[in-house]
Amino acid sequence: MLFNKNMRKQIPAINVTPLVWIDTEEGLHEAIKEILDCLKNGCNTLAVDLEYHCVERKAIIISLIQLSTCDKDYIIDALALRKEVI
């Protein structure tokens, strides 16, 4: 899919977009609900970025997951969630 120049009008500037820090399982569930609602209600864009750390040659640990919709930016602390689940 090609980037549509008209989409810029849909995406607010970074300084007015709410940022949500997620480091609990219930926060993650709430973010997933919000993201799904946003995508169902006309936002057709979801940006994804992963930050990781290489522990060994073949071992990679994801440390942060960044998700952005037209309405909000979410930073998911995967290390904190890993500790909470384990």
N, C-alpha and C. Protein backbone atom coordinates (compact mmCIF):
# COMPACT_ATOMS: atom_id res chain seq x y z
N MET A 1 0.84 -1.18 0.00
CA MET A 1 0.00 0.00 0.00
C MET A 1 0.89 1.25 0.00
N LEU A 2 0.60 2.16 -0.88
CA LEU A 2 1.36 3.40 -0.96
C LEU A 2 0.82 4.41 0.03
N PHE A 3 1.70 5.25 0.51
CA PHE A 3 1.31 6.30 1.45
C PHE A 3 0.52 7.36 0.72
N ASN A 4 -0.67 7.63 1.18
CA ASN A 4 -1.54 8.62 0.59
C ASN A 4 -1.26 9.98 1.24
N LYS A 5 -0.94 10.98 0.44
CA LYS A 5 -0.60 12.30 0.98
C LYS A 5 -1.75 12.90 1.77
N ASN A 6 -2.99 12.54 1.47
CA ASN A 6 -4.13 13.05 2.22
C ASN A 6 -4.17 12.50 3.64
N MET A 7 -3.45 11.41 3.92
CA MET A 7 -3.42 10.83 5.25
C MET A 7 -2.76 11.78 6.24
N ARG A 8 -1.89 12.65 5.78
CA ARG A 8 -1.23 13.59 6.68
C ARG A 8 -2.24 14.45 7.44
N LYS A 9 -3.37 14.72 6.81
CA LYS A 9 -4.41 15.50 7.47
C LYS A 9 -5.04 14.72 8.62
N GLN A 10 -5.03 13.40 8.54
CA GLN A 10 -5.63 12.55 9.56
C GLN A 10 -4.72 12.40 10.78
N ILE A 11 -3.42 12.49 10.59
CA ILE A 11 -2.46 12.20 11.65
C ILE A 11 -2.03 13.49 12.33
N PRO A 12 -2.38 13.65 13.63
CA PRO A 12 -2.01 14.89 14.34
C PRO A 12 -0.51 14.97 14.60
N ALA A 13 -0.05 16.16 14.90
CA ALA A 13 1.37 16.38 15.21
C ALA A 13 1.74 15.65 16.49
N ILE A 14 3.01 15.30 16.62
CA ILE A 14 3.48 14.52 17.76
C ILE A 14 3.27 15.24 19.09
N ASN A 15 3.33 16.56 19.08
CA ASN A 15 3.18 17.29 20.34
C ASN A 15 1.74 17.37 20.85
N VAL A 16 0.77 16.91 20.06
CA VAL A 16 -0.62 16.88 20.52
C VAL A 16 -1.18 15.46 20.61
N THR A 17 -0.36 14.49 20.26
CA THR A 17 -0.80 13.09 20.31
C THR A 17 -0.51 12.52 21.69
N PRO A 18 -1.54 11.97 22.37
CA PRO A 18 -1.30 11.37 23.69
C PRO A 18 -0.33 10.19 23.61
N LEU A 19 0.52 10.09 24.62
CA LEU A 19 1.48 8.99 24.71
C LEU A 19 1.11 8.14 25.93
N VAL A 20 0.99 6.85 25.73
CA VAL A 20 0.61 5.93 26.80
C VAL A 20 1.76 4.97 27.05
N TRP A 21 2.24 4.93 28.29
CA TRP A 21 3.29 3.99 28.70
C TRP A 21 2.60 2.76 29.28
N ILE A 22 2.96 1.58 28.79
CA ILE A 22 2.31 0.35 29.23
C ILE A 22 3.35 -0.57 29.84
N ASP A 23 3.15 -0.91 31.11
CA ASP A 23 4.07 -1.84 31.77
C ASP A 23 3.33 -2.86 32.64
N THR A 24 2.00 -2.96 32.43
CA THR A 24 1.22 -3.97 33.14
C THR A 24 0.36 -4.74 32.13
N GLU A 25 -0.02 -5.93 32.54
CA GLU A 25 -0.85 -6.76 31.66
C GLU A 25 -2.21 -6.11 31.41
N GLU A 26 -2.80 -5.51 32.45
CA GLU A 26 -4.10 -4.87 32.26
C GLU A 26 -3.98 -3.62 31.38
N GLY A 27 -2.87 -2.91 31.48
CA GLY A 27 -2.63 -1.78 30.59
C GLY A 27 -2.51 -2.22 29.15
N LEU A 28 -1.89 -3.38 28.93
CA LEU A 28 -1.76 -3.93 27.58
C LEU A 28 -3.12 -4.29 27.02
N HIS A 29 -3.98 -4.93 27.83
CA HIS A 29 -5.32 -5.29 27.38
C HIS A 29 -6.13 -4.04 27.01
N GLU A 30 -6.01 -3.00 27.81
CA GLU A 30 -6.72 -1.75 27.53
C GLU A 30 -6.22 -1.12 26.23
N ALA A 31 -4.91 -1.13 26.02
CA ALA A 31 -4.33 -0.57 24.79
C ALA A 31 -4.80 -1.35 23.57
N ILE A 32 -4.84 -2.67 23.67
CA ILE A 32 -5.31 -3.49 22.54
C ILE A 32 -6.75 -3.14 22.21
N LYS A 33 -7.58 -2.98 23.23
CA LYS A 33 -8.99 -2.61 23.02
C LYS A 33 -9.08 -1.25 22.32
N GLU A 34 -8.30 -0.27 22.80
CA GLU A 34 -8.32 1.06 22.20
C GLU A 34 -7.85 1.03 20.75
N ILE A 35 -6.79 0.27 20.48
CA ILE A 35 -6.26 0.18 19.12
C ILE A 35 -7.27 -0.46 18.18
N LEU A 36 -7.90 -1.54 18.61
CA LEU A 36 -8.91 -2.20 17.78
C LEU A 36 -10.09 -1.27 17.51
N ASP A 37 -10.54 -0.55 18.54
CA ASP A 37 -11.64 0.41 18.36
C ASP A 37 -11.25 1.49 17.36
N CYS A 38 -10.05 1.99 17.48
CA CYS A 38 -9.57 3.04 16.57
C CYS A 38 -9.55 2.54 15.12
N LEU A 39 -9.03 1.32 14.93
CA LEU A 39 -8.95 0.77 13.58
C LEU A 39 -10.34 0.48 13.00
N LYS A 40 -11.28 0.11 13.86
CA LYS A 40 -12.65 -0.15 13.40
C LYS A 40 -13.39 1.14 13.06
N ASN A 41 -12.97 2.25 13.66
CA ASN A 41 -13.67 3.52 13.49
C ASN A 41 -13.01 4.46 12.49
N GLY A 42 -12.32 3.92 11.51
CA GLY A 42 -11.85 4.76 10.41
C GLY A 42 -10.37 5.03 10.33
N CYS A 43 -9.61 4.77 11.36
CA CYS A 43 -8.17 4.94 11.26
C CYS A 43 -7.61 3.70 10.57
N ASN A 44 -7.05 3.87 9.41
CA ASN A 44 -6.56 2.71 8.65
C ASN A 44 -5.04 2.59 8.71
N THR A 45 -4.45 3.14 9.77
CA THR A 45 -3.00 3.14 9.90
C THR A 45 -2.58 2.65 11.27
N LEU A 46 -1.62 1.73 11.30
CA LEU A 46 -1.00 1.29 12.54
C LEU A 46 0.50 1.19 12.29
N ALA A 47 1.26 2.01 12.99
CA ALA A 47 2.72 2.00 12.86
C ALA A 47 3.30 1.13 13.97
N VAL A 48 4.33 0.36 13.64
CA VAL A 48 4.95 -0.57 14.59
C VAL A 48 6.46 -0.41 14.55
N ASP A 49 7.07 -0.38 15.74
CA ASP A 49 8.52 -0.34 15.84
C ASP A 49 8.93 -1.19 17.03
N LEU A 50 9.99 -1.94 16.88
CA LEU A 50 10.50 -2.79 17.96
C LEU A 50 11.92 -2.38 18.32
N GLU A 51 12.19 -2.35 19.61
CA GLU A 51 13.55 -2.14 20.10
C GLU A 51 13.96 -3.44 20.78
N TYR A 52 15.18 -3.88 20.51
CA TYR A 52 15.61 -5.16 21.06
C TYR A 52 17.06 -5.10 21.52
N HIS A 53 17.41 -6.12 22.27
CA HIS A 53 18.77 -6.25 22.79
C HIS A 53 19.28 -7.64 22.44
N CYS A 54 20.47 -7.72 21.89
CA CYS A 54 21.09 -9.01 21.58
C CYS A 54 21.88 -9.48 22.79
N VAL A 55 21.42 -10.56 23.40
CA VAL A 55 22.09 -11.10 24.58
C VAL A 55 23.26 -11.97 24.16
N GLU A 56 23.00 -12.83 23.24
CA GLU A 56 24.05 -13.69 22.69
C GLU A 56 23.91 -13.64 21.19
N ARG A 57 24.70 -14.42 20.54
CA ARG A 57 24.69 -14.40 19.09
C ARG A 57 23.31 -14.71 18.51
N LYS A 58 22.62 -15.66 19.09
CA LYS A 58 21.32 -16.06 18.55
C LYS A 58 20.15 -15.73 19.48
N ALA A 59 20.41 -15.02 20.55
CA ALA A 59 19.34 -14.69 21.49
C ALA A 59 19.04 -13.20 21.44
N ILE A 60 17.82 -12.88 21.09
CA ILE A 60 17.38 -11.50 21.02
C ILE A 60 16.20 -11.33 21.97
N ILE A 61 16.24 -10.27 22.76
CA ILE A 61 15.15 -9.98 23.69
C ILE A 61 14.51 -8.66 23.26
N ILE A 62 13.21 -8.69 23.00
CA ILE A 62 12.50 -7.46 22.68
C ILE A 62 12.32 -6.67 23.96
N SER A 63 12.71 -5.41 23.94
CA SER A 63 12.61 -4.59 25.14
C SER A 63 11.48 -3.57 25.08
N LEU A 64 11.24 -2.97 23.94
CA LEU A 64 10.14 -2.01 23.78
C LEU A 64 9.39 -2.28 22.49
N ILE A 65 8.08 -2.13 22.56
CA ILE A 65 7.22 -2.23 21.38
C ILE A 65 6.51 -0.89 21.27
N GLN A 66 6.65 -0.25 20.14
CA GLN A 66 6.01 1.05 19.93
C GLN A 66 4.90 0.89 18.89
N LEU A 67 3.69 1.27 19.25
CA LEU A 67 2.54 1.21 18.35
C LEU A 67 1.93 2.60 18.27
N SER A 68 1.57 3.02 17.07
CA SER A 68 0.93 4.33 16.90
C SER A 68 -0.27 4.19 15.99
N THR A 69 -1.38 4.78 16.44
CA THR A 69 -2.57 4.89 15.60
C THR A 69 -2.71 6.35 15.22
N CYS A 70 -3.81 6.70 14.59
CA CYS A 70 -4.06 8.10 14.25
C CYS A 70 -4.30 8.95 15.49
N ASP A 71 -4.70 8.28 16.60
CA ASP A 71 -5.09 9.01 17.81
C ASP A 71 -4.07 9.00 18.94
N LYS A 72 -3.31 7.92 19.08
CA LYS A 72 -2.42 7.77 20.24
C LYS A 72 -1.15 7.04 19.86
N ASP A 73 -0.14 7.25 20.72
CA ASP A 73 1.11 6.49 20.62
C ASP A 73 1.22 5.64 21.89
N TYR A 74 1.62 4.39 21.72
CA TYR A 74 1.74 3.46 22.84
C TYR A 74 3.17 2.96 22.90
N ILE A 75 3.77 2.99 24.08
CA ILE A 75 5.08 2.39 24.28
C ILE A 75 4.89 1.27 25.29
N ILE A 76 5.16 0.07 24.84
CA ILE A 76 4.97 -1.12 25.66
C ILE A 76 6.32 -1.59 26.17
N ASP A 77 6.46 -1.62 27.48
CA ASP A 77 7.69 -2.08 28.12
C ASP A 77 7.65 -3.61 28.18
N ALA A 78 8.21 -4.25 27.18
CA ALA A 78 8.15 -5.71 27.08
C ALA A 78 8.94 -6.38 28.20
N LEU A 79 9.97 -5.74 28.70
CA LEU A 79 10.74 -6.34 29.80
C LEU A 79 9.91 -6.38 31.08
N ALA A 80 9.18 -5.30 31.37
CA ALA A 80 8.33 -5.28 32.56
C ALA A 80 7.21 -6.30 32.43
N LEU A 81 6.62 -6.41 31.24
CA LEU A 81 5.56 -7.39 31.04
C LEU A 81 6.09 -8.81 31.13
N ARG A 82 7.28 -9.02 30.68
CA ARG A 82 7.89 -10.35 30.75
C ARG A 82 8.04 -10.77 32.22
N LYS A 83 8.48 -9.84 33.06
CA LYS A 83 8.63 -10.12 34.49
C LYS A 83 7.29 -10.39 35.16
N GLU A 84 6.25 -9.65 34.69
CA GLU A 84 4.93 -9.81 35.27
C GLU A 84 4.31 -11.15 34.91
N VAL A 85 4.55 -11.64 33.72
CA VAL A 85 3.96 -12.90 33.26
C VAL A 85 4.72 -14.11 33.77
N ILE A 86 6.04 -13.99 33.88
CA ILE A 86 6.86 -15.15 34.27
C ILE A 86 6.70 -15.48 35.71
